C-alpha atoms as a PDB file:
ATOM      1  CA  MET A   1     128.448  76.861  68.277  1.00  0.00           C
ATOM      2  CA  GLN A   2     125.011  78.497  67.428  1.00  0.00           C
ATOM      3  CA  GLU A   3     123.600  75.093  66.448  1.00  0.00           C
ATOM      4  CA  GLY A   4     124.865  73.648  69.844  1.00  0.00           C
ATOM      5  CA  PHE A   5     122.936  76.324  71.641  1.00  0.00           C
ATOM      6  CA  LEU A   6     119.901  75.546  69.647  1.00  0.00           C
ATOM      7  CA  ILE A   7     120.099  71.801  70.336  1.00  0.00           C
ATOM      8  CA  VAL A   8     120.399  72.497  74.146  1.00  0.00           C
ATOM      9  CA  GLY A   9     117.418  74.811  73.874  1.00  0.00           C
ATOM     10  CA  ARG A  10     115.308  72.147  72.039  1.00  0.00           C
ATOM     11  CA  GLY A  11     116.412  69.674  74.614  1.00  0.00           C
ATOM     12  CA  LEU A  12     114.945  71.820  77.367  1.00  0.00           C
ATOM     13  CA  GLY A  13     111.795  72.437  75.330  1.00  0.00           C
ATOM     14  CA  GLN A  14     111.261  68.745  74.640  1.00  0.00           C
ATOM     15  CA  VAL A  15     110.634  68.161  78.339  1.00  0.00           C
ATOM     16  CA  MET A  16     107.205  69.418  77.621  1.00  0.00           C
ATOM     17  CA  PHE A  17     107.098  68.303  73.986  1.00  0.00           C
ATOM     18  CA  GLN A  18     108.146  71.594  72.486  1.00  0.00           C
ATOM     19  CA  ASN A  19     110.736  71.349  69.660  1.00  0.00           C
ATOM     20  CA  ASN A  20     111.552  74.931  69.824  1.00  0.00           C
ATOM     21  CA  ALA A  21     114.795  76.486  71.219  1.00  0.00           C
ATOM     22  CA  VAL A  22     113.182  79.697  72.339  1.00  0.00           C
ATOM     23  CA  SER A  23     110.544  77.802  74.274  1.00  0.00           C
ATOM     24  CA  GLY A  24     113.392  75.936  75.983  1.00  0.00           C
ATOM     25  CA  LEU A  25     115.080  79.202  76.792  1.00  0.00           C
ATOM     26  CA  LEU A  26     111.886  80.472  78.409  1.00  0.00           C
ATOM     27  CA  MET A  27     111.616  77.264  80.427  1.00  0.00           C
ATOM     28  CA  LEU A  28     115.236  77.757  81.578  1.00  0.00           C
ATOM     29  CA  VAL A  29     114.422  81.258  82.672  1.00  0.00           C
ATOM     30  CA  GLY A  30     111.437  79.691  84.604  1.00  0.00           C
ATOM     31  CA  ILE A  31     113.802  77.341  86.351  1.00  0.00           C
ATOM     32  CA  ALA A  32     116.332  80.138  87.090  1.00  0.00           C
ATOM     33  CA  CYS A  33     113.451  82.089  88.653  1.00  0.00           C
ATOM     34  CA  ASN A  34     113.327  79.385  91.334  1.00  0.00           C
ATOM     35  CA  SER A  35     116.977  78.294  91.518  1.00  0.00           C
ATOM     36  CA  TRP A  36     120.121  79.324  89.575  1.00  0.00           C
ATOM     37  CA  LEU A  37     121.644  76.130  90.763  1.00  0.00           C
ATOM     38  CA  LEU A  38     118.959  73.893  89.267  1.00  0.00           C
ATOM     39  CA  ALA A  39     119.063  75.876  86.065  1.00  0.00           C
ATOM     40  CA  LEU A  40     122.833  75.165  85.764  1.00  0.00           C
ATOM     41  CA  LEU A  41     122.298  71.488  86.639  1.00  0.00           C
ATOM     42  CA  ALA A  42     119.527  71.320  83.981  1.00  0.00           C
ATOM     43  CA  LEU A  43     121.984  72.547  81.397  1.00  0.00           C
ATOM     44  CA  LEU A  44     124.728  70.187  82.501  1.00  0.00           C
ATOM     45  CA  GLY A  45     122.396  67.110  82.251  1.00  0.00           C
ATOM     46  CA  ASN A  46     121.169  68.291  78.914  1.00  0.00           C
ATOM     47  CA  PHE A  47     124.706  68.776  77.629  1.00  0.00           C
ATOM     48  CA  VAL A  48     125.842  65.349  78.953  1.00  0.00           C
ATOM     49  CA  GLY A  49     122.859  63.557  77.567  1.00  0.00           C
ATOM     50  CA  THR A  50     123.272  65.222  74.152  1.00  0.00           C
ATOM     51  CA  VAL A  51     127.036  64.684  74.036  1.00  0.00           C
ATOM     52  CA  THR A  52     126.598  61.083  74.903  1.00  0.00           C
ATOM     53  CA  ALA A  53     124.218  60.563  72.041  1.00  0.00           C
ATOM     54  CA  PHE A  54     126.611  62.211  69.626  1.00  0.00           C
ATOM     55  CA  PHE A  55     129.638  60.101  70.624  1.00  0.00           C
ATOM     56  CA  SER A  56     127.397  56.946  70.634  1.00  0.00           C
ATOM     57  CA  GLY A  57     126.639  57.606  66.885  1.00  0.00           C
ATOM     58  CA  TYR A  58     122.923  58.175  67.372  1.00  0.00           C
ATOM     59  CA  SER A  59     120.633  59.726  64.861  1.00  0.00           C
ATOM     60  CA  LYS A  60     121.847  63.318  63.980  1.00  0.00           C
ATOM     61  CA  GLU A  61     118.181  64.461  63.401  1.00  0.00           C
ATOM     62  CA  ASP A  62     117.069  63.165  66.785  1.00  0.00           C
ATOM     63  CA  ILE A  63     120.059  64.791  68.407  1.00  0.00           C
ATOM     64  CA  GLU A  64     119.291  68.103  66.716  1.00  0.00           C
ATOM     65  CA  ASP A  65     115.724  67.987  67.784  1.00  0.00           C
ATOM     66  CA  GLY A  66     116.742  67.612  71.386  1.00  0.00           C
ATOM     67  CA  LEU A  67     115.505  64.198  71.823  1.00  0.00           C
ATOM     68  CA  TYR A  68     118.509  62.970  73.671  1.00  0.00           C
ATOM     69  CA  GLY A  69     118.765  66.127  75.888  1.00  0.00           C
ATOM     70  CA  PHE A  70     115.429  66.310  77.780  1.00  0.00           C
ATOM     71  CA  ASN A  71     115.968  63.171  79.918  1.00  0.00           C
ATOM     72  CA  GLY A  72     119.317  64.464  80.827  1.00  0.00           C
ATOM     73  CA  THR A  73     117.842  67.784  81.782  1.00  0.00           C
ATOM     74  CA  LEU A  74     115.413  66.152  84.184  1.00  0.00           C
ATOM     75  CA  VAL A  75     118.186  63.941  85.580  1.00  0.00           C
ATOM     76  CA  GLY A  76     120.288  67.125  86.330  1.00  0.00           C
ATOM     77  CA  ILE A  77     117.512  68.869  87.976  1.00  0.00           C
ATOM     78  CA  ALA A  78     116.518  65.703  90.011  1.00  0.00           C
ATOM     79  CA  VAL A  79     120.067  65.376  91.330  1.00  0.00           C
ATOM     80  CA  GLY A  80     119.963  68.991  92.545  1.00  0.00           C
ATOM     81  CA  VAL A  81     116.618  68.328  94.246  1.00  0.00           C
ATOM     82  CA  PHE A  82     117.319  64.866  95.915  1.00  0.00           C
ATOM     83  CA  MET A  83     120.952  65.149  96.568  1.00  0.00           C
ATOM     84  CA  GLU A  84     123.393  67.291  98.454  1.00  0.00           C
ATOM     85  CA  PRO A  85     125.577  69.350  96.214  1.00  0.00           C
ATOM     86  CA  GLY A  86     129.072  68.253  95.887  1.00  0.00           C
ATOM     87  CA  VAL A  87     131.641  66.472  93.584  1.00  0.00           C
ATOM     88  CA  ALA A  88     129.942  63.051  94.292  1.00  0.00           C
ATOM     89  CA  SER A  89     126.483  64.230  93.249  1.00  0.00           C
ATOM     90  CA  LEU A  90     127.884  65.886  90.084  1.00  0.00           C
ATOM     91  CA  LEU A  91     129.538  62.645  89.200  1.00  0.00           C
ATOM     92  CA  LEU A  92     126.245  60.794  89.602  1.00  0.00           C
ATOM     93  CA  LEU A  93     124.536  63.460  87.537  1.00  0.00           C
ATOM     94  CA  VAL A  94     126.921  62.764  84.642  1.00  0.00           C
ATOM     95  CA  ALA A  95     126.490  58.949  85.039  1.00  0.00           C
ATOM     96  CA  GLY A  96     122.722  59.302  85.212  1.00  0.00           C
ATOM     97  CA  SER A  97     122.492  61.617  82.299  1.00  0.00           C
ATOM     98  CA  MET A  98     124.553  59.235  80.190  1.00  0.00           C
ATOM     99  CA  LEU A  99     122.435  56.219  81.323  1.00  0.00           C
ATOM    100  CA  SER A 100     119.262  58.102  80.383  1.00  0.00           C
ATOM    101  CA  THR A 101     120.535  58.522  76.846  1.00  0.00           C
ATOM    102  CA  TRP A 102     121.371  54.879  76.404  1.00  0.00           C
ATOM    103  CA  ILE A 103     118.038  53.798  77.938  1.00  0.00           C
ATOM    104  CA  ALA A 104     116.255  56.246  75.483  1.00  0.00           C
ATOM    105  CA  ARG A 105     118.091  54.566  72.634  1.00  0.00           C
ATOM    106  CA  VAL A 106     116.839  51.110  73.886  1.00  0.00           C
ATOM    107  CA  PHE A 107     113.262  52.430  73.748  1.00  0.00           C
ATOM    108  CA  ALA A 108     113.838  53.698  70.208  1.00  0.00           C
ATOM    109  CA  TYR A 109     114.539  50.106  69.026  1.00  0.00           C
ATOM    110  CA  GLN A 110     110.786  49.188  69.567  1.00  0.00           C
ATOM    111  CA  LYS A 111     107.588  50.915  68.454  1.00  0.00           C
ATOM    112  CA  LEU A 112     105.075  49.582  70.982  1.00  0.00           C
ATOM    113  CA  LEU A 113     105.969  51.811  73.955  1.00  0.00           C
ATOM    114  CA  PRO A 114     107.266  55.378  73.480  1.00  0.00           C
ATOM    115  CA  GLY A 115     110.043  56.152  75.890  1.00  0.00           C
ATOM    116  CA  PHE A 116     108.819  59.634  76.895  1.00  0.00           C
ATOM    117  CA  THR A 117     110.532  60.316  80.252  1.00  0.00           C
ATOM    118  CA  ALA A 118     110.918  56.701  81.258  1.00  0.00           C
ATOM    119  CA  PRO A 119     114.742  56.925  80.779  1.00  0.00           C
ATOM    120  CA  PHE A 120     114.865  59.769  83.276  1.00  0.00           C
ATOM    121  CA  ILE A 121     112.714  57.825  85.728  1.00  0.00           C
ATOM    122  CA  LEU A 122     114.744  54.653  85.536  1.00  0.00           C
ATOM    123  CA  ALA A 123     118.110  56.497  85.810  1.00  0.00           C
ATOM    124  CA  VAL A 124     116.976  58.514  88.985  1.00  0.00           C
ATOM    125  CA  TRP A 125     115.413  55.526  90.627  1.00  0.00           C
ATOM    126  CA  LEU A 126     118.802  53.731  90.137  1.00  0.00           C
ATOM    127  CA  LEU A 127     120.751  56.628  91.417  1.00  0.00           C
ATOM    128  CA  GLN A 128     118.547  56.948  94.459  1.00  0.00           C
ATOM    129  CA  ALA A 129     118.794  53.194  95.173  1.00  0.00           C
ATOM    130  CA  LEU A 130     122.574  53.455  94.897  1.00  0.00           C
ATOM    131  CA  CYS A 131     122.576  56.268  97.284  1.00  0.00           C
ATOM    132  CA  ARG A 132     120.392  54.550  99.799  1.00  0.00           C
ATOM    133  CA  GLY A 133     122.514  51.461  99.722  1.00  0.00           C
ATOM    134  CA  TRP A 134     125.957  52.958  99.699  1.00  0.00           C
ATOM    135  CA  PHE A 135     125.961  56.669 100.000  1.00  0.00           C
ATOM    136  CA  PRO A 136     123.002  57.736 102.289  1.00  0.00           C
ATOM    137  CA  SER A 137     124.638  61.005 103.223  1.00  0.00           C
ATOM    138  CA  LEU A 138     124.276  62.240  99.706  1.00  0.00           C
ATOM    139  CA  LEU A 139     120.506  62.223  99.977  1.00  0.00           C
ATOM    140  CA  SER A 140     118.940  65.465 100.954  1.00  0.00           C
ATOM    141  CA  SER A 141     115.792  65.552 103.102  1.00  0.00           C
ATOM    142  CA  SER A 142     112.840  67.915 103.000  1.00  0.00           C
ATOM    143  CA  VAL A 143     109.821  68.375 105.162  1.00  0.00           C
ATOM    144  CA  MET A 144     106.669  69.804 103.576  1.00  0.00           C
ATOM    145  CA  PRO A 145     105.025  72.409 105.826  1.00  0.00           C
ATOM    146  CA  GLU A 146     101.382  71.913 106.860  1.00  0.00           C
ATOM    147  CA  GLU A 147      98.779  73.974 105.000  1.00  0.00           C
ATOM    148  CA  THR A 148      95.142  74.187 105.877  1.00  0.00           C
ATOM    149  CA  ALA A 149      93.546  75.956 102.851  1.00  0.00           C
ATOM    150  CA  ALA A 150      93.810  75.650  99.105  1.00  0.00           C
ATOM    151  CA  ASP A 151      95.728  78.232  97.134  1.00  0.00           C
ATOM    152  CA  TRP A 152      94.112  77.776  93.663  1.00  0.00           C
ATOM    153  CA  PHE A 153      96.392  80.076  91.583  1.00  0.00           C
ATOM    154  CA  ARG A 154      99.533  78.789  93.227  1.00  0.00           C
ATOM    155  CA  ALA A 155      98.395  75.288  92.763  1.00  0.00           C
ATOM    156  CA  PHE A 156      97.609  75.775  89.105  1.00  0.00           C
ATOM    157  CA  SER A 157     100.935  77.317  88.348  1.00  0.00           C
ATOM    158  CA  LEU A 158     103.035  74.851  90.281  1.00  0.00           C
ATOM    159  CA  ASN A 159     101.080  72.015  88.625  1.00  0.00           C
ATOM    160  CA  ILE A 160     102.936  73.222  85.466  1.00  0.00           C
ATOM    161  CA  GLY A 161     106.272  74.217  87.246  1.00  0.00           C
ATOM    162  CA  GLN A 162     106.632  70.830  88.932  1.00  0.00           C
ATOM    163  CA  VAL A 163     106.981  69.096  85.566  1.00  0.00           C
ATOM    164  CA  MET A 164     110.623  70.211  86.129  1.00  0.00           C
ATOM    165  CA  PHE A 165     110.595  70.111  89.966  1.00  0.00           C
ATOM    166  CA  GLN A 166     110.044  73.926  90.271  1.00  0.00           C
ATOM    167  CA  GLY A 167     107.759  74.480  93.228  1.00  0.00           C
ATOM    168  CA  GLY A 168     109.366  77.482  94.815  1.00  0.00           C
ATOM    169  CA  THR A 169     107.624  80.268  92.714  1.00  0.00           C
ATOM    170  CA  VAL A 170     104.646  80.528  90.523  1.00  0.00           C
ATOM    171  CA  LEU A 171     106.815  82.359  87.950  1.00  0.00           C
ATOM    172  CA  SER A 172     108.372  78.949  86.864  1.00  0.00           C
ATOM    173  CA  GLY A 173     104.999  77.619  85.849  1.00  0.00           C
ATOM    174  CA  LEU A 174     104.100  80.839  84.094  1.00  0.00           C
ATOM    175  CA  PHE A 175     107.346  80.866  82.054  1.00  0.00           C
ATOM    176  CA  PHE A 176     106.841  77.251  81.166  1.00  0.00           C
ATOM    177  CA  LEU A 177     103.406  78.097  79.916  1.00  0.00           C
ATOM    178  CA  ALA A 178     104.652  81.047  77.949  1.00  0.00           C
ATOM    179  CA  GLY A 179     107.269  78.827  76.352  1.00  0.00           C
ATOM    180  CA  ILE A 180     104.631  76.356  75.243  1.00  0.00           C
ATOM    181  CA  LEU A 181     102.223  79.019  73.982  1.00  0.00           C
ATOM    182  CA  LEU A 182     105.160  80.580  71.851  1.00  0.00           C
ATOM    183  CA  ASN A 183     105.286  77.217  70.024  1.00  0.00           C
ATOM    184  CA  SER A 184     101.772  75.773  70.068  1.00  0.00           C
ATOM    185  CA  ARG A 185      98.448  77.333  71.077  1.00  0.00           C
ATOM    186  CA  VAL A 186      96.983  73.838  71.128  1.00  0.00           C
ATOM    187  CA  HIS A 187      99.582  72.562  73.565  1.00  0.00           C
ATOM    188  CA  ALA A 188      99.127  75.647  75.724  1.00  0.00           C
ATOM    189  CA  LEU A 189      95.457  75.073  75.891  1.00  0.00           C
ATOM    190  CA  TYR A 190      95.972  71.408  77.005  1.00  0.00           C
ATOM    191  CA  THR A 191      98.621  72.533  79.453  1.00  0.00           C
ATOM    192  CA  VAL A 192      95.937  74.710  81.144  1.00  0.00           C
ATOM    193  CA  TRP A 193      93.490  71.947  81.050  1.00  0.00           C
ATOM    194  CA  GLY A 194      95.994  69.466  82.469  1.00  0.00           C
ATOM    195  CA  ALA A 195      96.753  71.873  85.286  1.00  0.00           C
ATOM    196  CA  LEU A 196      93.092  72.754  86.096  1.00  0.00           C
ATOM    197  CA  LEU A 197      91.392  69.308  85.978  1.00  0.00           C
ATOM    198  CA  PRO A 198      93.456  67.763  88.825  1.00  0.00           C
ATOM    199  CA  LEU A 199      92.633  70.776  91.046  1.00  0.00           C
ATOM    200  CA  GLY A 200      88.871  69.998  90.836  1.00  0.00           C
ATOM    201  CA  MET A 201      89.400  66.183  91.168  1.00  0.00           C
ATOM    202  CA  VAL A 202      91.447  66.415  94.217  1.00  0.00           C
ATOM    203  CA  TRP A 203      89.595  69.266  96.018  1.00  0.00           C
ATOM    204  CA  MET A 204      86.203  67.401  95.595  1.00  0.00           C
ATOM    205  CA  VAL A 205      87.461  64.389  97.417  1.00  0.00           C
ATOM    206  CA  GLY A 206      89.622  66.190 100.081  1.00  0.00           C
ATOM    207  CA  SER A 207      93.361  66.672  99.956  1.00  0.00           C
ATOM    208  CA  ASP A 208      96.642  67.214 101.665  1.00  0.00           C
ATOM    209  CA  TYR A 209      96.705  70.927 101.080  1.00  0.00           C
ATOM    210  CA  ALA A 210     100.434  71.070 101.192  1.00  0.00           C
ATOM    211  CA  ALA A 211     100.794  68.762  98.260  1.00  0.00           C
ATOM    212  CA  PHE A 212      97.798  70.256  96.495  1.00  0.00           C
ATOM    213  CA  ASN A 213      99.211  73.829  96.752  1.00  0.00           C
ATOM    214  CA  ALA A 214     102.797  72.566  95.875  1.00  0.00           C
ATOM    215  CA  GLY A 215     101.562  71.192  92.477  1.00  0.00           C
ATOM    216  CA  LEU A 216     102.512  67.631  93.417  1.00  0.00           C
ATOM    217  CA  LEU A 217      99.262  66.204  92.397  1.00  0.00           C
ATOM    218  CA  GLY A 218      98.875  67.691  88.934  1.00  0.00           C
ATOM    219  CA  TYR A 219     102.195  67.927  87.157  1.00  0.00           C
ATOM    220  CA  ASN A 220     101.910  64.373  85.543  1.00  0.00           C
ATOM    221  CA  ALA A 221      98.432  65.434  84.305  1.00  0.00           C
ATOM    222  CA  VAL A 222      99.925  68.458  82.384  1.00  0.00           C
ATOM    223  CA  LEU A 223     102.257  66.026  80.485  1.00  0.00           C
ATOM    224  CA  CYS A 224      99.362  63.695  79.764  1.00  0.00           C
ATOM    225  CA  ALA A 225      97.204  66.422  78.352  1.00  0.00           C
ATOM    226  CA  ILE A 226      99.967  67.682  76.036  1.00  0.00           C
ATOM    227  CA  ALA A 227     100.985  64.220  74.908  1.00  0.00           C
ATOM    228  CA  LEU A 228      97.445  63.010  73.861  1.00  0.00           C
ATOM    229  CA  GLY A 229      95.525  66.247  73.256  1.00  0.00           C
ATOM    230  CA  ASP A 230      94.917  67.433  69.697  1.00  0.00           C
ATOM    231  CA  ARG A 231      92.312  69.540  67.867  1.00  0.00           C
ATOM    232  CA  SER A 232      89.685  66.783  67.713  1.00  0.00           C
ATOM    233  CA  TRP A 233      86.973  65.911  70.366  1.00  0.00           C
ATOM    234  CA  ALA A 234      88.347  62.366  70.412  1.00  0.00           C
ATOM    235  CA  GLY A 235      91.790  63.553  71.315  1.00  0.00           C
ATOM    236  CA  ALA A 236      90.472  65.754  74.013  1.00  0.00           C
ATOM    237  CA  ALA A 237      88.561  62.772  75.454  1.00  0.00           C
ATOM    238  CA  TRP A 238      91.548  60.543  75.427  1.00  0.00           C
ATOM    239  CA  ALA A 239      93.671  63.254  76.976  1.00  0.00           C
ATOM    240  CA  THR A 240      91.145  63.808  79.769  1.00  0.00           C
ATOM    241  CA  LEU A 241      91.074  60.060  80.504  1.00  0.00           C
ATOM    242  CA  SER A 242      94.895  60.057  80.741  1.00  0.00           C
ATOM    243  CA  VAL A 243      94.797  63.063  82.971  1.00  0.00           C
ATOM    244  CA  THR A 244      92.295  61.424  85.334  1.00  0.00           C
ATOM    245  CA  LEU A 245      94.275  58.180  85.461  1.00  0.00           C
ATOM    246  CA  SER A 246      97.556  59.917  86.075  1.00  0.00           C
ATOM    247  CA  VAL A 247      96.142  61.825  89.088  1.00  0.00           C
ATOM    248  CA  LEU A 248      94.868  58.573  90.595  1.00  0.00           C
ATOM    249  CA  LEU A 249      98.204  56.856  90.072  1.00  0.00           C
ATOM    250  CA  GLN A 250      99.979  59.934  91.590  1.00  0.00           C
ATOM    251  CA  VAL A 251      97.897  59.858  94.697  1.00  0.00           C
ATOM    252  CA  TRP A 252      98.288  56.113  95.013  1.00  0.00           C
ATOM    253  CA  GLY A 253     102.040  56.326  94.668  1.00  0.00           C
ATOM    254  CA  MET A 254     102.518  59.140  97.136  1.00  0.00           C
ATOM    255  CA  SER A 255     100.371  57.157  99.666  1.00  0.00           C
ATOM    256  CA  LEU A 256     102.878  54.421  99.350  1.00  0.00           C
ATOM    257  CA  GLY A 257     105.779  56.796  99.845  1.00  0.00           C
ATOM    258  CA  MET A 258     107.044  56.369  96.361  1.00  0.00           C
ATOM    259  CA  THR A 259     109.198  58.832  94.534  1.00  0.00           C
ATOM    260  CA  THR A 260     106.869  58.811  91.641  1.00  0.00           C
ATOM    261  CA  LEU A 261     108.645  61.402  89.355  1.00  0.00           C
ATOM    262  CA  THR A 262     106.864  61.300  86.026  1.00  0.00           C
ATOM    263  CA  ALA A 263     105.951  57.574  86.165  1.00  0.00           C
ATOM    264  CA  PRO A 264     102.161  58.251  86.472  1.00  0.00           C
ATOM    265  CA  PHE A 265     102.336  60.314  83.185  1.00  0.00           C
ATOM    266  CA  VAL A 266     104.251  57.557  81.382  1.00  0.00           C
ATOM    267  CA  VAL A 267     102.035  54.667  82.713  1.00  0.00           C
ATOM    268  CA  SER A 268      98.786  56.573  81.971  1.00  0.00           C
ATOM    269  CA  VAL A 269      99.752  57.510  78.425  1.00  0.00           C
ATOM    270  CA  TRP A 270     100.844  53.953  77.761  1.00  0.00           C
ATOM    271  CA  ILE A 271      97.612  52.542  79.001  1.00  0.00           C
ATOM    272  CA  VAL A 272      95.334  55.089  77.205  1.00  0.00           C
ATOM    273  CA  SER A 273      97.266  54.804  73.977  1.00  0.00           C
ATOM    274  CA  GLY A 274      96.900  51.033  74.123  1.00  0.00           C
ATOM    275  CA  MET A 275      93.130  51.396  74.671  1.00  0.00           C
ATOM    276  CA  ARG A 276      92.898  53.708  71.713  1.00  0.00           C
ATOM    277  CA  ARG A 277      94.847  51.450  69.444  1.00  0.00           C
ATOM    278  CA  THR A 278      92.629  48.497  70.483  1.00  0.00           C
ATOM    279  CA  LEU A 279      89.402  50.492  69.738  1.00  0.00           C
ATOM    280  CA  CYS A 280      90.736  51.728  66.514  1.00  0.00           C
ATOM    281  CA  ARG A 281      91.374  48.226  65.227  1.00  0.00           C
ATOM    282  CA  LYS A 282      87.856  47.095  65.813  1.00  0.00           C
END
């Protein structure tokens, strides 16, 4: 039982690359500060994804490290954000979390492109397409209020919180940061850098202040910074390049009306990692 709780905790922490159950617990508290319902859905998605991996006979070590729980965690939260609560949406959550685990396993068969959160992205896009085609009443709608000024601290914190769709309180982002700091000071430093750099980029060229303040333009950058940043100057440079690219992709995707999720993060890291490998071979 204790090991089961640790696995679920690590699965939560792995959303932000933290293989630490206590870090995951702090992140769960951060989600609960915004919404108890989303916290419960995060746990359900995590559990379903992990159990699916167990019964599919996947690597015990990977399961114990939470590597088959974090995509399910994000699927669970996404269902709570994009769909109306009910039995139908819960069934789709279970199906999407299971699918995310199977997709993660497909990525594990090759070494060129790390899966990251791609399984979550593909699963949620499929669920949304299914709902738009056959069950449009399941989809919830939200209108972002207009804002005329930048709220820098709020935007910074929500850039971190929106990694897991938490845009209702700055406490979510602060708990996420605390969870990262508990496990890795280097990752915490890059989290701050990933949350700050997009603020300057977007503010200099002008912005939709509602999206700016809600953290919608910087959460992908946070993941990019953690994924590529290390103790070297080269690592910092590659992380910064990926952060910049992710912001551009996010702004472009939002202008097209896309539900981008964490696709800008995944694509940016794939591109920058490919560039780094090419240069290292020369």
